[in-house]
């Protein structure tokens, strides 16, 4: 399966963006997807790589304005 490019964040249609980004993250693996929705992935050494992949994908969806708002976050769950 080919990697799906992350959709750009759209504040006017958040539900559609959430749907598209969840599909995109699932193509990277279930641990990557789960790192965005499960708090127990925070700080868990086993899931550092999944969290990093999540952060990269999520940050690529944001404009500079929104990116500056979450630049301090070090977990996909927090984003």
C-alpha atoms as a PDB file:
ATOM      1  CA  UNK A   1       0.000   0.000   0.000  1.00  0.00           C
ATOM      2  CA  UNK A   2       1.341   3.432  -0.900  1.00  0.00           C
ATOM      3  CA  UNK A   3       1.648   6.155   1.680  1.00  0.00           C
ATOM      4  CA  UNK A   4      -1.214   8.631   1.585  1.00  0.00           C
ATOM      5  CA  UNK A   5      -0.115  12.280   1.796  1.00  0.00           C
ATOM      6  CA  UNK A   6      -1.474  13.970   4.922  1.00  0.00           C
ATOM      7  CA  UNK A   7      -4.403  16.319   4.218  1.00  0.00           C
ATOM      8  CA  UNK A   8      -3.896  19.996   4.992  1.00  0.00           C
ATOM      9  CA  UNK A   9      -5.678  21.069   8.169  1.00  0.00           C
ATOM     10  CA  UNK A  10      -8.956  22.781   7.348  1.00  0.00           C
ATOM     11  CA  UNK A  11     -10.527  24.656  10.244  1.00  0.00           C
ATOM     12  CA  UNK A  12     -13.741  25.065   8.210  1.00  0.00           C
ATOM     13  CA  UNK A  13     -14.189  21.289   7.878  1.00  0.00           C
ATOM     14  CA  UNK A  14     -12.519  19.660  10.871  1.00  0.00           C
ATOM     15  CA  UNK A  15     -14.633  16.488  10.706  1.00  0.00           C
ATOM     16  CA  UNK A  16     -13.491  15.733   7.159  1.00  0.00           C
ATOM     17  CA  UNK A  17      -9.873  16.516   8.066  1.00  0.00           C
ATOM     18  CA  UNK A  18     -10.070  14.179  11.079  1.00  0.00           C
ATOM     19  CA  UNK A  19     -11.419  11.417   8.861  1.00  0.00           C
ATOM     20  CA  UNK A  20      -8.709  11.906   6.235  1.00  0.00           C
ATOM     21  CA  UNK A  21      -5.847  12.224   8.720  1.00  0.00           C
ATOM     22  CA  UNK A  22      -6.954   9.078  10.561  1.00  0.00           C
ATOM     23  CA  UNK A  23      -6.802   7.124   7.298  1.00  0.00           C
ATOM     24  CA  UNK A  24      -3.414   8.610   6.516  1.00  0.00           C
ATOM     25  CA  UNK A  25      -2.020   7.683   9.939  1.00  0.00           C
ATOM     26  CA  UNK A  26      -3.406   4.156   9.712  1.00  0.00           C
ATOM     27  CA  UNK A  27      -1.411   3.649   6.496  1.00  0.00           C
ATOM     28  CA  UNK A  28       1.698   4.247   8.626  1.00  0.00           C
ATOM     29  CA  UNK A  29       0.612   1.496  11.034  1.00  0.00           C
ATOM     30  CA  UNK A  30      -1.857   1.017  13.834  1.00  0.00           C
ATOM     31  CA  UNK A  31       0.651   2.052  16.531  1.00  0.00           C
ATOM     32  CA  UNK A  32       1.164   5.337  14.682  1.00  0.00           C
ATOM     33  CA  UNK A  33      -2.584   5.914  14.574  1.00  0.00           C
ATOM     34  CA  UNK A  34      -3.109   4.841  18.179  1.00  0.00           C
ATOM     35  CA  UNK A  35      -0.396   7.235  19.390  1.00  0.00           C
ATOM     36  CA  UNK A  36      -2.761  10.076  18.478  1.00  0.00           C
ATOM     37  CA  UNK A  37      -5.764   8.744  20.385  1.00  0.00           C
ATOM     38  CA  UNK A  38      -4.390   6.766  23.353  1.00  0.00           C
ATOM     39  CA  UNK A  39      -2.908   8.622  26.300  1.00  0.00           C
ATOM     40  CA  UNK A  40      -0.924   5.587  27.494  1.00  0.00           C
ATOM     41  CA  UNK A  41       1.360   5.972  24.474  1.00  0.00           C
ATOM     42  CA  UNK A  42       2.756   9.153  26.093  1.00  0.00           C
ATOM     43  CA  UNK A  43       6.280   8.615  27.376  1.00  0.00           C
ATOM     44  CA  UNK A  44       6.194   4.909  26.541  1.00  0.00           C
ATOM     45  CA  UNK A  45       9.616   3.962  25.142  1.00  0.00           C
ATOM     46  CA  UNK A  46       8.050   1.202  23.071  1.00  0.00           C
ATOM     47  CA  UNK A  47       6.111   3.763  21.034  1.00  0.00           C
ATOM     48  CA  UNK A  48       8.707   6.530  20.532  1.00  0.00           C
ATOM     49  CA  UNK A  49       8.990   5.784  16.814  1.00  0.00           C
ATOM     50  CA  UNK A  50       5.205   5.716  16.329  1.00  0.00           C
ATOM     51  CA  UNK A  51       4.907   9.054  18.125  1.00  0.00           C
ATOM     52  CA  UNK A  52       7.665  10.564  15.976  1.00  0.00           C
ATOM     53  CA  UNK A  53       5.991   9.397  12.765  1.00  0.00           C
ATOM     54  CA  UNK A  54       2.722  10.860  13.993  1.00  0.00           C
ATOM     55  CA  UNK A  55       4.258  14.212  14.802  1.00  0.00           C
ATOM     56  CA  UNK A  56       5.862  14.475  11.373  1.00  0.00           C
ATOM     57  CA  UNK A  57       2.599  13.629   9.611  1.00  0.00           C
ATOM     58  CA  UNK A  58       0.502  15.960  11.768  1.00  0.00           C
ATOM     59  CA  UNK A  59       2.912  18.878  11.507  1.00  0.00           C
ATOM     60  CA  UNK A  60       2.942  18.561   7.712  1.00  0.00           C
ATOM     61  CA  UNK A  61      -0.804  19.232   7.699  1.00  0.00           C
ATOM     62  CA  UNK A  62      -0.552  22.600   9.431  1.00  0.00           C
ATOM     63  CA  UNK A  63       0.011  26.124   8.179  1.00  0.00           C
ATOM     64  CA  UNK A  64       2.748  28.211   9.840  1.00  0.00           C
ATOM     65  CA  UNK A  65       0.109  29.850  12.037  1.00  0.00           C
ATOM     66  CA  UNK A  66      -1.138  26.561  13.498  1.00  0.00           C
ATOM     67  CA  UNK A  67       2.318  25.012  13.558  1.00  0.00           C
ATOM     68  CA  UNK A  68       3.530  27.764  15.884  1.00  0.00           C
ATOM     69  CA  UNK A  69       0.651  26.932  18.264  1.00  0.00           C
ATOM     70  CA  UNK A  70       1.743  23.310  18.687  1.00  0.00           C
ATOM     71  CA  UNK A  71       5.514  23.617  18.216  1.00  0.00           C
ATOM     72  CA  UNK A  72       6.067  22.999  21.947  1.00  0.00           C
ATOM     73  CA  UNK A  73       4.201  19.660  21.862  1.00  0.00           C
ATOM     74  CA  UNK A  74       6.358  16.549  21.913  1.00  0.00           C
ATOM     75  CA  UNK A  75       3.589  13.988  21.637  1.00  0.00           C
ATOM     76  CA  UNK A  76       1.053  13.270  18.932  1.00  0.00           C
ATOM     77  CA  UNK A  77      -1.620  12.819  21.586  1.00  0.00           C
ATOM     78  CA  UNK A  78      -1.010  16.390  22.818  1.00  0.00           C
ATOM     79  CA  UNK A  79      -1.233  17.760  19.275  1.00  0.00           C
END
